[in-house]
Amino acid sequence: MKKIYVIMFTVFLNSVFLSCNPESIADENVPQACCGENGEIPPPPPEEISG
């Protein structure tokens, strides 16, 4: 019975320390511009089909 409590406590600690906080991840996302200062990303060039 004591082993079950130890296992449950270990699982609980792991879930607390390794859990993901989606709010902190969403706050850190900063859009980055690739080709200029306006922040608009141009569409990719059309693919050439060779046949």
PDB file of N, CA and C in Angstrom:
ATOM      1  N   MET A   1       0.824  -1.193   0.000  1.00  0.00           N
ATOM      2  CA  MET A   1       0.000   0.000   0.000  1.00  0.00           C
ATOM      3  C   MET A   1       0.874   1.266   0.000  1.00  0.00           C
ATOM      4  N   LYS A   2       1.991   1.191   0.681  1.00  0.00           N
ATOM      5  CA  LYS A   2       2.882   2.342   0.753  1.00  0.00           C
ATOM      6  C   LYS A   2       3.484   2.655  -0.618  1.00  0.00           C
ATOM      7  N   LYS A   3       3.745   1.621  -1.430  1.00  0.00           N
ATOM      8  CA  LYS A   3       4.306   1.830  -2.760  1.00  0.00           C
ATOM      9  C   LYS A   3       3.329   2.578  -3.651  1.00  0.00           C
ATOM     10  N   ILE A   4       2.052   2.323  -3.496  1.00  0.00           N
ATOM     11  CA  ILE A   4       1.045   2.994  -4.301  1.00  0.00           C
ATOM     12  C   ILE A   4       1.056   4.489  -4.013  1.00  0.00           C
ATOM     13  N   TYR A   5       1.171   4.862  -2.740  1.00  0.00           N
ATOM     14  CA  TYR A   5       1.228   6.277  -2.387  1.00  0.00           C
ATOM     15  C   TYR A   5       2.486   6.939  -2.943  1.00  0.00           C
ATOM     16  N   VAL A   6       3.594   6.241  -2.900  1.00  0.00           N
ATOM     17  CA  VAL A   6       4.838   6.788  -3.437  1.00  0.00           C
ATOM     18  C   VAL A   6       4.725   6.973  -4.943  1.00  0.00           C
ATOM     19  N   ILE A   7       4.163   6.013  -5.629  1.00  0.00           N
ATOM     20  CA  ILE A   7       3.989   6.105  -7.078  1.00  0.00           C
ATOM     21  C   ILE A   7       3.030   7.242  -7.424  1.00  0.00           C
ATOM     22  N   MET A   8       1.927   7.344  -6.705  1.00  0.00           N
ATOM     23  CA  MET A   8       0.968   8.418  -6.963  1.00  0.00           C
ATOM     24  C   MET A   8       1.598   9.792  -6.699  1.00  0.00           C
ATOM     25  N   PHE A   9       2.379   9.912  -5.653  1.00  0.00           N
ATOM     26  CA  PHE A   9       3.044  11.172  -5.338  1.00  0.00           C
ATOM     27  C   PHE A   9       4.051  11.534  -6.424  1.00  0.00           C
ATOM     28  N   THR A  10       4.790  10.540  -6.912  1.00  0.00           N
ATOM     29  CA  THR A  10       5.766  10.778  -7.973  1.00  0.00           C
ATOM     30  C   THR A  10       5.076  11.218  -9.263  1.00  0.00           C
ATOM     31  N   VAL A  11       3.993  10.577  -9.614  1.00  0.00           N
ATOM     32  CA  VAL A  11       3.243  10.951 -10.816  1.00  0.00           C
ATOM     33  C   VAL A  11       2.683  12.364 -10.661  1.00  0.00           C
ATOM     34  N   PHE A  12       2.183  12.681  -9.486  1.00  0.00           N
ATOM     35  CA  PHE A  12       1.652  14.020  -9.246  1.00  0.00           C
ATOM     36  C   PHE A  12       2.741  15.076  -9.389  1.00  0.00           C
ATOM     37  N   LEU A  13       3.903  14.843  -8.818  1.00  0.00           N
ATOM     38  CA  LEU A  13       5.003  15.809  -8.929  1.00  0.00           C
ATOM     39  C   LEU A  13       5.448  15.973 -10.377  1.00  0.00           C
ATOM     40  N   ASN A  14       5.535  14.867 -11.107  1.00  0.00           N
ATOM     41  CA  ASN A  14       5.921  14.950 -12.517  1.00  0.00           C
ATOM     42  C   ASN A  14       4.897  15.738 -13.321  1.00  0.00           C
ATOM     43  N   SER A  15       3.627  15.533 -13.046  1.00  0.00           N
ATOM     44  CA  SER A  15       2.602  16.258 -13.800  1.00  0.00           C
ATOM     45  C   SER A  15       2.620  17.743 -13.463  1.00  0.00           C
ATOM     46  N   VAL A  16       2.972  18.098 -12.239  1.00  0.00           N
ATOM     47  CA  VAL A  16       3.040  19.513 -11.870  1.00  0.00           C
ATOM     48  C   VAL A  16       4.239  20.184 -12.530  1.00  0.00           C
ATOM     49  N   PHE A  17       5.386  19.531 -12.489  1.00  0.00           N
ATOM     50  CA  PHE A  17       6.602  20.146 -13.021  1.00  0.00           C
ATOM     51  C   PHE A  17       6.661  20.128 -14.546  1.00  0.00           C
ATOM     52  N   LEU A  18       6.043  19.158 -15.180  1.00  0.00           N
ATOM     53  CA  LEU A  18       6.140  19.018 -16.627  1.00  0.00           C
ATOM     54  C   LEU A  18       4.884  19.470 -17.363  1.00  0.00           C
ATOM     55  N   SER A  19       3.919  20.014 -16.638  1.00  0.00           N
ATOM     56  CA  SER A  19       2.686  20.425 -17.303  1.00  0.00           C
ATOM     57  C   SER A  19       2.925  21.678 -18.130  1.00  0.00           C
ATOM     58  N   CYS A  20       2.149  21.809 -19.188  1.00  0.00           N
ATOM     59  CA  CYS A  20       2.297  22.927 -20.103  1.00  0.00           C
ATOM     60  C   CYS A  20       1.294  24.010 -19.739  1.00  0.00           C
ATOM     61  N   ASN A  21       1.745  25.254 -19.782  1.00  0.00           N
ATOM     62  CA  ASN A  21       0.870  26.377 -19.531  1.00  0.00           C
ATOM     63  C   ASN A  21       0.627  27.083 -20.861  1.00  0.00           C
ATOM     64  N   PRO A  22      -0.512  26.857 -21.517  1.00  0.00           N
ATOM     65  CA  PRO A  22      -0.717  27.409 -22.855  1.00  0.00           C
ATOM     66  C   PRO A  22      -0.777  28.941 -22.875  1.00  0.00           C
ATOM     67  N   GLU A  23      -1.139  29.580 -21.787  1.00  0.00           N
ATOM     68  CA  GLU A  23      -1.202  31.038 -21.775  1.00  0.00           C
ATOM     69  C   GLU A  23       0.186  31.653 -21.890  1.00  0.00           C
ATOM     70  N   SER A  24       1.160  31.089 -21.214  1.00  0.00           N
ATOM     71  CA  SER A  24       2.504  31.656 -21.284  1.00  0.00           C
ATOM     72  C   SER A  24       3.118  31.439 -22.663  1.00  0.00           C
ATOM     73  N   ILE A  25       2.793  30.337 -23.313  1.00  0.00           N
ATOM     74  CA  ILE A  25       3.305  30.087 -24.658  1.00  0.00           C
ATOM     75  C   ILE A  25       2.660  31.060 -25.639  1.00  0.00           C
ATOM     76  N   ALA A  26       1.365  31.307 -25.507  1.00  0.00           N
ATOM     77  CA  ALA A  26       0.667  32.207 -26.410  1.00  0.00           C
ATOM     78  C   ALA A  26       1.143  33.645 -26.233  1.00  0.00           C
ATOM     79  N   ASP A  27       1.543  34.034 -25.045  1.00  0.00           N
ATOM     80  CA  ASP A  27       2.012  35.388 -24.809  1.00  0.00           C
ATOM     81  C   ASP A  27       3.378  35.644 -25.431  1.00  0.00           C
ATOM     82  N   GLU A  28       4.190  34.606 -25.599  1.00  0.00           N
ATOM     83  CA  GLU A  28       5.539  34.777 -26.105  1.00  0.00           C
ATOM     84  C   GLU A  28       5.601  34.819 -27.630  1.00  0.00           C
ATOM     85  N   ASN A  29       4.529  34.469 -28.322  1.00  0.00           N
ATOM     86  CA  ASN A  29       4.534  34.470 -29.786  1.00  0.00           C
ATOM     87  C   ASN A  29       4.507  35.897 -30.302  1.00  0.00           C
ATOM     88  N   VAL A  30       5.542  36.255 -31.032  1.00  0.00           N
ATOM     89  CA  VAL A  30       5.632  37.591 -31.619  1.00  0.00           C
ATOM     90  C   VAL A  30       5.740  37.415 -33.123  1.00  0.00           C
ATOM     91  N   PRO A  31       4.820  38.000 -33.899  1.00  0.00           N
ATOM     92  CA  PRO A  31       4.917  37.853 -35.365  1.00  0.00           C
ATOM     93  C   PRO A  31       6.180  38.538 -35.875  1.00  0.00           C
ATOM     94  N   GLN A  32       6.822  37.884 -36.826  1.00  0.00           N
ATOM     95  CA  GLN A  32       8.056  38.418 -37.379  1.00  0.00           C
ATOM     96  C   GLN A  32       7.877  38.647 -38.869  1.00  0.00           C
ATOM     97  N   ALA A  33       8.351  39.786 -39.332  1.00  0.00           N
ATOM     98  CA  ALA A  33       8.304  40.084 -40.758  1.00  0.00           C
ATOM     99  C   ALA A  33       9.531  39.480 -41.430  1.00  0.00           C
ATOM    100  N   CYS A  34       9.353  39.052 -42.665  1.00  0.00           N
ATOM    101  CA  CYS A  34      10.492  38.434 -43.343  1.00  0.00           C
ATOM    102  C   CYS A  34      11.123  39.358 -44.369  1.00  0.00           C
ATOM    103  N   CYS A  35      10.330  40.228 -44.992  1.00  0.00           N
ATOM    104  CA  CYS A  35      10.867  40.986 -46.126  1.00  0.00           C
ATOM    105  C   CYS A  35      10.466  42.446 -46.053  1.00  0.00           C
ATOM    106  N   GLY A  36      10.818  43.110 -45.002  1.00  0.00           N
ATOM    107  CA  GLY A  36      10.483  44.520 -44.877  1.00  0.00           C
ATOM    108  C   GLY A  36       9.965  44.839 -43.496  1.00  0.00           C
ATOM    109  N   GLU A  37       9.616  46.079 -43.313  1.00  0.00           N
ATOM    110  CA  GLU A  37       9.186  46.536 -41.997  1.00  0.00           C
ATOM    111  C   GLU A  37       7.675  46.492 -41.795  1.00  0.00           C
ATOM    112  N   ASN A  38       6.915  46.243 -42.845  1.00  0.00           N
ATOM    113  CA  ASN A  38       5.463  46.331 -42.729  1.00  0.00           C
ATOM    114  C   ASN A  38       4.826  45.069 -42.148  1.00  0.00           C
ATOM    115  N   GLY A  39       5.535  43.976 -42.047  1.00  0.00           N
ATOM    116  CA  GLY A  39       5.003  42.772 -41.438  1.00  0.00           C
ATOM    117  C   GLY A  39       4.228  41.876 -42.372  1.00  0.00           C
ATOM    118  N   GLU A  40       4.046  42.270 -43.630  1.00  0.00           N
ATOM    119  CA  GLU A  40       3.331  41.420 -44.572  1.00  0.00           C
ATOM    120  C   GLU A  40       4.299  40.414 -45.175  1.00  0.00           C
ATOM    121  N   ILE A  41       3.855  39.184 -45.265  1.00  0.00           N
ATOM    122  CA  ILE A  41       4.679  38.134 -45.845  1.00  0.00           C
ATOM    123  C   ILE A  41       4.182  37.882 -47.269  1.00  0.00           C
ATOM    124  N   PRO A  42       5.051  38.035 -48.261  1.00  0.00           N
ATOM    125  CA  PRO A  42       4.606  37.830 -49.643  1.00  0.00           C
ATOM    126  C   PRO A  42       4.321  36.349 -49.906  1.00  0.00           C
ATOM    127  N   PRO A  43       3.389  36.043 -50.819  1.00  0.00           N
ATOM    128  CA  PRO A  43       3.099  34.644 -51.131  1.00  0.00           C
ATOM    129  C   PRO A  43       4.278  33.998 -51.862  1.00  0.00           C
ATOM    130  N   PRO A  44       4.391  32.704 -51.783  1.00  0.00           N
ATOM    131  CA  PRO A  44       5.487  32.036 -52.479  1.00  0.00           C
ATOM    132  C   PRO A  44       5.305  32.100 -53.997  1.00  0.00           C
ATOM    133  N   PRO A  45       6.382  32.052 -54.748  1.00  0.00           N
ATOM    134  CA  PRO A  45       6.247  32.087 -56.209  1.00  0.00           C
ATOM    135  C   PRO A  45       5.560  30.816 -56.713  1.00  0.00           C
ATOM    136  N   PRO A  46       4.869  30.904 -57.836  1.00  0.00           N
ATOM    137  CA  PRO A  46       4.201  29.709 -58.370  1.00  0.00           C
ATOM    138  C   PRO A  46       5.212  28.661 -58.794  1.00  0.00           C
ATOM    139  N   GLU A  47       4.831  27.415 -58.625  1.00  0.00           N
ATOM    140  CA  GLU A  47       5.718  26.310 -58.991  1.00  0.00           C
ATOM    141  C   GLU A  47       5.687  26.098 -60.508  1.00  0.00           C
ATOM    142  N   GLU A  48       6.843  25.834 -61.060  1.00  0.00           N
ATOM    143  CA  GLU A  48       6.916  25.524 -62.491  1.00  0.00           C
ATOM    144  C   GLU A  48       6.735  24.026 -62.678  1.00  0.00           C
ATOM    145  N   ILE A  49       5.828  23.680 -63.577  1.00  0.00           N
ATOM    146  CA  ILE A  49       5.564  22.263 -63.851  1.00  0.00           C
ATOM    147  C   ILE A  49       6.324  21.891 -65.104  1.00  0.00           C
ATOM    148  N   SER A  50       7.292  21.016 -64.931  1.00  0.00           N
ATOM    149  CA  SER A  50       8.051  20.553 -66.108  1.00  0.00           C
ATOM    150  C   SER A  50       7.605  19.138 -66.433  1.00  0.00           C
ATOM    151  N   GLY A  51       7.441  18.894 -67.658  1.00  0.00           N
ATOM    152  CA  GLY A  51       6.857  17.616 -67.951  1.00  0.00           C
ATOM    153  C   GLY A  51       7.497  16.855 -69.001  1.00  0.00           C
TER     154      GLY A  51
END
